[in-house]
Amino acid sequence: MGDFDRELDVKGAKCPMPLVKSRKSLGELPVGQVLKVLTTDRGSVADFQGWAKTAKHVELVAQETADEQGQAVYIHYLRRTA
């Protein structure tokens, strides 16, 4: 996925910080915009899926995994819906 409005790099942060920082950053975006989150926390995949199911005004648009110099980077795209 290539379209996003803001990028948040929280690589190296452990649970629950990627989610906490994403929640704050997403709240600062206008409705309809997409936040791209980069993290190295493997648990973030399930964390973001769970958050998107239970939270209001958040849509998990896509998730990807990339390799960055031999380290897995988990990429999440979140849209603010209201």
PDB file of N, CA and C in Angstrom:
ATOM      1  N   MET A   1       0.856  -1.179   0.000  1.00  0.00           N
ATOM      2  CA  MET A   1       0.000   0.000   0.000  1.00  0.00           C
ATOM      3  C   MET A   1       0.896   1.234   0.000  1.00  0.00           C
ATOM      4  N   GLY A   2       0.595   2.187  -0.828  1.00  0.00           N
ATOM      5  CA  GLY A   2       1.466   3.332  -0.935  1.00  0.00           C
ATOM      6  C   GLY A   2       0.876   4.645  -0.458  1.00  0.00           C
ATOM      7  N   ASP A   3      -0.444   4.739  -0.348  1.00  0.00           N
ATOM      8  CA  ASP A   3      -1.073   6.009   0.005  1.00  0.00           C
ATOM      9  C   ASP A   3      -1.244   6.140   1.514  1.00  0.00           C
ATOM     10  N   PHE A   4      -0.650   7.183   2.068  1.00  0.00           N
ATOM     11  CA  PHE A   4      -0.830   7.497   3.475  1.00  0.00           C
ATOM     12  C   PHE A   4      -0.556   8.984   3.665  1.00  0.00           C
ATOM     13  N   ASP A   5      -1.006   9.515   4.783  1.00  0.00           N
ATOM     14  CA  ASP A   5      -0.890  10.951   5.022  1.00  0.00           C
ATOM     15  C   ASP A   5       0.196  11.298   6.030  1.00  0.00           C
ATOM     16  N   ARG A   6       0.471  10.379   6.960  1.00  0.00           N
ATOM     17  CA  ARG A   6       1.505  10.623   7.964  1.00  0.00           C
ATOM     18  C   ARG A   6       2.165   9.294   8.295  1.00  0.00           C
ATOM     19  N   GLU A   7       3.456   9.369   8.586  1.00  0.00           N
ATOM     20  CA  GLU A   7       4.204   8.164   8.952  1.00  0.00           C
ATOM     21  C   GLU A   7       4.677   8.286  10.396  1.00  0.00           C
ATOM     22  N   LEU A   8       4.539   7.202  11.136  1.00  0.00           N
ATOM     23  CA  LEU A   8       4.986   7.151  12.524  1.00  0.00           C
ATOM     24  C   LEU A   8       5.983   6.004  12.644  1.00  0.00           C
ATOM     25  N   ASP A   9       7.217   6.333  12.993  1.00  0.00           N
ATOM     26  CA  ASP A   9       8.267   5.324  13.137  1.00  0.00           C
ATOM     27  C   ASP A   9       8.466   5.047  14.620  1.00  0.00           C
ATOM     28  N   VAL A  10       8.044   3.865  15.048  1.00  0.00           N
ATOM     29  CA  VAL A  10       8.213   3.469  16.449  1.00  0.00           C
ATOM     30  C   VAL A  10       9.033   2.178  16.524  1.00  0.00           C
ATOM     31  N   LYS A  11       9.947   2.022  15.566  1.00  0.00           N
ATOM     32  CA  LYS A  11      10.810   0.838  15.567  1.00  0.00           C
ATOM     33  C   LYS A  11      11.630   0.826  16.857  1.00  0.00           C
ATOM     34  N   GLY A  12      11.705  -0.325  17.473  1.00  0.00           N
ATOM     35  CA  GLY A  12      12.449  -0.470  18.718  1.00  0.00           C
ATOM     36  C   GLY A  12      11.586  -0.325  19.962  1.00  0.00           C
ATOM     37  N   ALA A  13      10.403   0.241  19.829  1.00  0.00           N
ATOM     38  CA  ALA A  13       9.497   0.397  20.972  1.00  0.00           C
ATOM     39  C   ALA A  13       8.786  -0.928  21.243  1.00  0.00           C
ATOM     40  N   LYS A  14       8.639  -1.249  22.487  1.00  0.00           N
ATOM     41  CA  LYS A  14       7.977  -2.499  22.889  1.00  0.00           C
ATOM     42  C   LYS A  14       6.527  -2.220  23.269  1.00  0.00           C
ATOM     43  N   CYS A  15       5.736  -3.277  23.225  1.00  0.00           N
ATOM     44  CA  CYS A  15       4.327  -3.229  23.588  1.00  0.00           C
ATOM     45  C   CYS A  15       4.165  -2.622  24.986  1.00  0.00           C
ATOM     46  N   PRO A  16       3.282  -1.715  25.184  1.00  0.00           N
ATOM     47  CA  PRO A  16       2.208  -1.228  24.302  1.00  0.00           C
ATOM     48  C   PRO A  16       2.527   0.094  23.610  1.00  0.00           C
ATOM     49  N   MET A  17       3.792   0.516  23.612  1.00  0.00           N
ATOM     50  CA  MET A  17       4.117   1.848  23.099  1.00  0.00           C
ATOM     51  C   MET A  17       3.755   2.072  21.625  1.00  0.00           C
ATOM     52  N   PRO A  18       3.957   1.103  20.713  1.00  0.00           N
ATOM     53  CA  PRO A  18       3.522   1.373  19.334  1.00  0.00           C
ATOM     54  C   PRO A  18       2.032   1.714  19.247  1.00  0.00           C
ATOM     55  N   LEU A  19       1.223   1.005  20.018  1.00  0.00           N
ATOM     56  CA  LEU A  19      -0.217   1.261  20.014  1.00  0.00           C
ATOM     57  C   LEU A  19      -0.540   2.602  20.678  1.00  0.00           C
ATOM     58  N   VAL A  20       0.093   2.888  21.768  1.00  0.00           N
ATOM     59  CA  VAL A  20      -0.148   4.151  22.486  1.00  0.00           C
ATOM     60  C   VAL A  20       0.217   5.345  21.611  1.00  0.00           C
ATOM     61  N   LYS A  21       1.371   5.294  20.982  1.00  0.00           N
ATOM     62  CA  LYS A  21       1.810   6.409  20.136  1.00  0.00           C
ATOM     63  C   LYS A  21       0.959   6.514  18.871  1.00  0.00           C
ATOM     64  N   SER A  22       0.521   5.373  18.350  1.00  0.00           N
ATOM     65  CA  SER A  22      -0.332   5.385  17.159  1.00  0.00           C
ATOM     66  C   SER A  22      -1.683   6.005  17.467  1.00  0.00           C
ATOM     67  N   ARG A  23      -2.223   5.653  18.614  1.00  0.00           N
ATOM     68  CA  ARG A  23      -3.525   6.205  19.013  1.00  0.00           C
ATOM     69  C   ARG A  23      -3.446   7.729  19.094  1.00  0.00           C
ATOM     70  N   LYS A  24      -2.388   8.233  19.687  1.00  0.00           N
ATOM     71  CA  LYS A  24      -2.221   9.691  19.816  1.00  0.00           C
ATOM     72  C   LYS A  24      -2.047  10.336  18.442  1.00  0.00           C
ATOM     73  N   SER A  25      -1.211   9.751  17.613  1.00  0.00           N
ATOM     74  CA  SER A  25      -0.939  10.317  16.291  1.00  0.00           C
ATOM     75  C   SER A  25      -2.180  10.273  15.403  1.00  0.00           C
ATOM     76  N   LEU A  26      -2.925   9.180  15.462  1.00  0.00           N
ATOM     77  CA  LEU A  26      -4.141   9.062  14.648  1.00  0.00           C
ATOM     78  C   LEU A  26      -5.173  10.097  15.071  1.00  0.00           C
ATOM     79  N   GLY A  27      -5.239  10.373  16.353  1.00  0.00           N
ATOM     80  CA  GLY A  27      -6.174  11.366  16.857  1.00  0.00           C
ATOM     81  C   GLY A  27      -5.877  12.770  16.375  1.00  0.00           C
ATOM     82  N   GLU A  28      -4.671  13.020  15.947  1.00  0.00           N
ATOM     83  CA  GLU A  28      -4.275  14.339  15.451  1.00  0.00           C
ATOM     84  C   GLU A  28      -4.564  14.508  13.963  1.00  0.00           C
ATOM     85  N   LEU A  29      -4.909  13.405  13.283  1.00  0.00           N
ATOM     86  CA  LEU A  29      -5.184  13.470  11.844  1.00  0.00           C
ATOM     87  C   LEU A  29      -6.635  13.862  11.584  1.00  0.00           C
ATOM     88  N   PRO A  30      -6.893  14.559  10.482  1.00  0.00           N
ATOM     89  CA  PRO A  30      -8.276  14.803  10.081  1.00  0.00           C
ATOM     90  C   PRO A  30      -8.967  13.485   9.690  1.00  0.00           C
ATOM     91  N   VAL A  31     -10.278  13.463   9.811  1.00  0.00           N
ATOM     92  CA  VAL A  31     -11.065  12.277   9.462  1.00  0.00           C
ATOM     93  C   VAL A  31     -10.795  11.879   8.011  1.00  0.00           C
ATOM     94  N   GLY A  32     -10.597  10.596   7.793  1.00  0.00           N
ATOM     95  CA  GLY A  32     -10.375  10.065   6.451  1.00  0.00           C
ATOM     96  C   GLY A  32      -8.910   9.885   6.098  1.00  0.00           C
ATOM     97  N   GLN A  33      -8.004  10.474   6.876  1.00  0.00           N
ATOM     98  CA  GLN A  33      -6.588  10.346   6.546  1.00  0.00           C
ATOM     99  C   GLN A  33      -6.013   9.042   7.107  1.00  0.00           C
ATOM    100  N   VAL A  34      -4.899   8.618   6.526  1.00  0.00           N
ATOM    101  CA  VAL A  34      -4.281   7.329   6.848  1.00  0.00           C
ATOM    102  C   VAL A  34      -2.926   7.542   7.508  1.00  0.00           C
ATOM    103  N   LEU A  35      -2.715   6.801   8.569  1.00  0.00           N
ATOM    104  CA  LEU A  35      -1.448   6.809   9.306  1.00  0.00           C
ATOM    105  C   LEU A  35      -0.703   5.507   9.000  1.00  0.00           C
ATOM    106  N   LYS A  36       0.556   5.644   8.615  1.00  0.00           N
ATOM    107  CA  LYS A  36       1.424   4.487   8.390  1.00  0.00           C
ATOM    108  C   LYS A  36       2.318   4.339   9.616  1.00  0.00           C
ATOM    109  N   VAL A  37       2.308   3.151  10.216  1.00  0.00           N
ATOM    110  CA  VAL A  37       3.076   2.907  11.431  1.00  0.00           C
ATOM    111  C   VAL A  37       4.132   1.844  11.156  1.00  0.00           C
ATOM    112  N   LEU A  38       5.386   2.157  11.487  1.00  0.00           N
ATOM    113  CA  LEU A  38       6.492   1.215  11.325  1.00  0.00           C
ATOM    114  C   LEU A  38       6.934   0.762  12.704  1.00  0.00           C
ATOM    115  N   THR A  39       6.957  -0.552  12.929  1.00  0.00           N
ATOM    116  CA  THR A  39       7.378  -1.068  14.221  1.00  0.00           C
ATOM    117  C   THR A  39       8.150  -2.373  14.047  1.00  0.00           C
ATOM    118  N   THR A  40       8.978  -2.687  15.001  1.00  0.00           N
ATOM    119  CA  THR A  40       9.712  -3.955  14.979  1.00  0.00           C
ATOM    120  C   THR A  40       9.131  -4.946  15.989  1.00  0.00           C
ATOM    121  N   ASP A  41       8.064  -4.555  16.649  1.00  0.00           N
ATOM    122  CA  ASP A  41       7.413  -5.407  17.647  1.00  0.00           C
ATOM    123  C   ASP A  41       6.490  -6.414  16.954  1.00  0.00           C
ATOM    124  N   ARG A  42       6.866  -7.681  16.994  1.00  0.00           N
ATOM    125  CA  ARG A  42       6.084  -8.729  16.328  1.00  0.00           C
ATOM    126  C   ARG A  42       4.652  -8.775  16.852  1.00  0.00           C
ATOM    127  N   GLY A  43       4.479  -8.546  18.130  1.00  0.00           N
ATOM    128  CA  GLY A  43       3.147  -8.573  18.731  1.00  0.00           C
ATOM    129  C   GLY A  43       2.227  -7.476  18.234  1.00  0.00           C
ATOM    130  N   SER A  44       2.793  -6.490  17.560  1.00  0.00           N
ATOM    131  CA  SER A  44       1.968  -5.378  17.086  1.00  0.00           C
ATOM    132  C   SER A  44       0.960  -5.826  16.034  1.00  0.00           C
ATOM    133  N   VAL A  45       1.236  -6.904  15.322  1.00  0.00           N
ATOM    134  CA  VAL A  45       0.302  -7.374  14.288  1.00  0.00           C
ATOM    135  C   VAL A  45      -1.046  -7.692  14.935  1.00  0.00           C
ATOM    136  N   ALA A  46      -1.024  -8.513  15.967  1.00  0.00           N
ATOM    137  CA  ALA A  46      -2.264  -8.866  16.669  1.00  0.00           C
ATOM    138  C   ALA A  46      -2.814  -7.683  17.455  1.00  0.00           C
ATOM    139  N   ASP A  47      -1.923  -6.873  18.028  1.00  0.00           N
ATOM    140  CA  ASP A  47      -2.374  -5.711  18.802  1.00  0.00           C
ATOM    141  C   ASP A  47      -3.190  -4.749  17.936  1.00  0.00           C
ATOM    142  N   PHE A  48      -2.695  -4.454  16.749  1.00  0.00           N
ATOM    143  CA  PHE A  48      -3.404  -3.506  15.888  1.00  0.00           C
ATOM    144  C   PHE A  48      -4.706  -4.106  15.362  1.00  0.00           C
ATOM    145  N   GLN A  49      -4.715  -5.409  15.092  1.00  0.00           N
ATOM    146  CA  GLN A  49      -5.954  -6.055  14.653  1.00  0.00           C
ATOM    147  C   GLN A  49      -7.012  -5.984  15.747  1.00  0.00           C
ATOM    148  N   GLY A  50      -6.605  -6.270  16.982  1.00  0.00           N
ATOM    149  CA  GLY A  50      -7.530  -6.217  18.099  1.00  0.00           C
ATOM    150  C   GLY A  50      -8.039  -4.814  18.370  1.00  0.00           C
ATOM    151  N   TRP A  51      -7.136  -3.857  18.280  1.00  0.00           N
ATOM    152  CA  TRP A  51      -7.519  -2.460  18.513  1.00  0.00           C
ATOM    153  C   TRP A  51      -8.534  -2.003  17.458  1.00  0.00           C
ATOM    154  N   ALA A  52      -8.289  -2.345  16.206  1.00  0.00           N
ATOM    155  CA  ALA A  52      -9.188  -1.916  15.139  1.00  0.00           C
ATOM    156  C   ALA A  52     -10.577  -2.531  15.285  1.00  0.00           C
ATOM    157  N   LYS A  53     -10.653  -3.728  15.850  1.00  0.00           N
ATOM    158  CA  LYS A  53     -11.959  -4.377  16.035  1.00  0.00           C
ATOM    159  C   LYS A  53     -12.760  -3.738  17.163  1.00  0.00           C
ATOM    160  N   THR A  54     -12.076  -3.277  18.184  1.00  0.00           N
ATOM    161  CA  THR A  54     -12.791  -2.785  19.364  1.00  0.00           C
ATOM    162  C   THR A  54     -12.898  -1.268  19.440  1.00  0.00           C
ATOM    163  N   ALA A  55     -11.971  -0.559  18.834  1.00  0.00           N
ATOM    164  CA  ALA A  55     -11.971   0.903  18.945  1.00  0.00           C
ATOM    165  C   ALA A  55     -12.946   1.521  17.956  1.00  0.00           C
ATOM    166  N   LYS A  56     -13.492   2.634  18.364  1.00  0.00           N
ATOM    167  CA  LYS A  56     -14.360   3.384  17.466  1.00  0.00           C
ATOM    168  C   LYS A  56     -13.484   4.323  16.638  1.00  0.00           C
ATOM    169  N   HIS A  57     -13.923   4.575  15.441  1.00  0.00           N
ATOM    170  CA  HIS A  57     -13.293   5.572  14.572  1.00  0.00           C
ATOM    171  C   HIS A  57     -11.911   5.165  14.055  1.00  0.00           C
ATOM    172  N   VAL A  58     -11.608   3.856  14.048  1.00  0.00           N
ATOM    173  CA  VAL A  58     -10.325   3.385  13.536  1.00  0.00           C
ATOM    174  C   VAL A  58     -10.578   2.224  12.573  1.00  0.00           C
ATOM    175  N   GLU A  59      -9.987   2.308  11.394  1.00  0.00           N
ATOM    176  CA  GLU A  59     -10.063   1.212  10.428  1.00  0.00           C
ATOM    177  C   GLU A  59      -8.647   0.760  10.113  1.00  0.00           C
ATOM    178  N   LEU A  60      -8.398  -0.535  10.257  1.00  0.00           N
ATOM    179  CA  LEU A  60      -7.117  -1.103   9.866  1.00  0.00           C
ATOM    180  C   LEU A  60      -7.197  -1.385   8.373  1.00  0.00           C
ATOM    181  N   VAL A  61      -6.513  -0.570   7.592  1.00  0.00           N
ATOM    182  CA  VAL A  61      -6.616  -0.643   6.140  1.00  0.00           C
ATOM    183  C   VAL A  61      -5.764  -1.780   5.584  1.00  0.00           C
ATOM    184  N   ALA A  62      -4.556  -1.937   6.082  1.00  0.00           N
ATOM    185  CA  ALA A  62      -3.652  -2.972   5.582  1.00  0.00           C
ATOM    186  C   ALA A  62      -2.516  -3.195   6.576  1.00  0.00           C
ATOM    187  N   GLN A  63      -1.903  -4.358   6.444  1.00  0.00           N
ATOM    188  CA  GLN A  63      -0.705  -4.678   7.215  1.00  0.00           C
ATOM    189  C   GLN A  63       0.283  -5.350   6.274  1.00  0.00           C
ATOM    190  N   GLU A  64       1.554  -5.028   6.458  1.00  0.00           N
ATOM    191  CA  GLU A  64       2.619  -5.608   5.640  1.00  0.00           C
ATOM    192  C   GLU A  64       3.803  -5.914   6.539  1.00  0.00           C
ATOM    193  N   THR A  65       4.663  -6.769   6.052  1.00  0.00           N
ATOM    194  CA  THR A  65       5.935  -7.024   6.720  1.00  0.00           C
ATOM    195  C   THR A  65       7.040  -6.777   5.703  1.00  0.00           C
ATOM    196  N   ALA A  66       8.053  -6.055   6.117  1.00  0.00           N
ATOM    197  CA  ALA A  66       9.189  -5.773   5.241  1.00  0.00           C
ATOM    198  C   ALA A  66      10.472  -6.192   5.945  1.00  0.00           C
ATOM    199  N   ASP A  67      11.494  -6.402   5.158  1.00  0.00           N
ATOM    200  CA  ASP A  67      12.800  -6.739   5.707  1.00  0.00           C
ATOM    201  C   ASP A  67      13.685  -5.499   5.588  1.00  0.00           C
ATOM    202  N   GLU A  68      14.204  -5.064   6.719  1.00  0.00           N
ATOM    203  CA  GLU A  68      15.061  -3.883   6.729  1.00  0.00           C
ATOM    204  C   GLU A  68      16.389  -4.271   7.361  1.00  0.00           C
ATOM    205  N   GLN A  69      17.359  -4.506   6.525  1.00  0.00           N
ATOM    206  CA  GLN A  69      18.701  -4.904   6.965  1.00  0.00           C
ATOM    207  C   GLN A  69      18.648  -6.129   7.876  1.00  0.00           C
ATOM    208  N   GLY A  70      17.872  -7.139   7.446  1.00  0.00           N
ATOM    209  CA  GLY A  70      17.786  -8.392   8.180  1.00  0.00           C
ATOM    210  C   GLY A  70      16.830  -8.383   9.355  1.00  0.00           C
ATOM    211  N   GLN A  71      16.156  -7.270   9.581  1.00  0.00           N
ATOM    212  CA  GLN A  71      15.210  -7.176  10.688  1.00  0.00           C
ATOM    213  C   GLN A  71      13.800  -6.981  10.130  1.00  0.00           C
ATOM    214  N   ALA A  72      12.851  -7.728  10.684  1.00  0.00           N
ATOM    215  CA  ALA A  72      11.466  -7.597  10.249  1.00  0.00           C
ATOM    216  C   ALA A  72      10.894  -6.273  10.738  1.00  0.00           C
ATOM    217  N   VAL A  73      10.238  -5.575   9.823  1.00  0.00           N
ATOM    218  CA  VAL A  73       9.530  -4.339  10.156  1.00  0.00           C
ATOM    219  C   VAL A  73       8.056  -4.563   9.824  1.00  0.00           C
ATOM    220  N   TYR A  74       7.218  -4.370  10.820  1.00  0.00           N
ATOM    221  CA  TYR A  74       5.777  -4.564  10.666  1.00  0.00           C
ATOM    222  C   TYR A  74       5.150  -3.214  10.379  1.00  0.00           C
ATOM    223  N   ILE A  75       4.404  -3.156   9.286  1.00  0.00           N
ATOM    224  CA  ILE A  75       3.835  -1.898   8.807  1.00  0.00           C
ATOM    225  C   ILE A  75       2.312  -1.989   8.881  1.00  0.00           C
ATOM    226  N   HIS A  76       1.728  -0.998   9.514  1.00  0.00           N
ATOM    227  CA  HIS A  76       0.281  -0.955   9.700  1.00  0.00           C
ATOM    228  C   HIS A  76      -0.249   0.345   9.104  1.00  0.00           C
ATOM    229  N   TYR A  77      -1.372   0.260   8.412  1.00  0.00           N
ATOM    230  CA  TYR A  77      -2.031   1.443   7.848  1.00  0.00           C
ATOM    231  C   TYR A  77      -3.382   1.590   8.533  1.00  0.00           C
ATOM    232  N   LEU A  78      -3.567   2.709   9.191  1.00  0.00           N
ATOM    233  CA  LEU A  78      -4.787   2.962   9.956  1.00  0.00           C
ATOM    234  C   LEU A  78      -5.474   4.207   9.428  1.00  0.00           C
ATOM    235  N   ARG A  79      -6.784   4.132   9.270  1.00  0.00           N
ATOM    236  CA  ARG A  79      -7.553   5.295   8.814  1.00  0.00           C
ATOM    237  C   ARG A  79      -8.450   5.778   9.954  1.00  0.00           C
ATOM    238  N   ARG A  80      -8.464   7.083  10.141  1.00  0.00           N
ATOM    239  CA  ARG A  80      -9.386   7.678  11.099  1.00  0.00           C
ATOM    240  C   ARG A  80     -10.731   7.824  10.408  1.00  0.00           C
ATOM    241  N   THR A  81     -11.776   7.242  10.984  1.00  0.00           N
ATOM    242  CA  THR A  81     -13.077   7.210  10.317  1.00  0.00           C
ATOM    243  C   THR A  81     -14.070   8.231  10.870  1.00  0.00           C
ATOM    244  N   ALA A  82     -13.782   8.815  12.009  1.00  0.00           N
ATOM    245  CA  ALA A  82     -14.692   9.842  12.563  1.00  0.00           C
ATOM    246  C   ALA A  82     -13.937  10.667  13.583  1.00  0.00           C
TER     247      ALA A  82
END
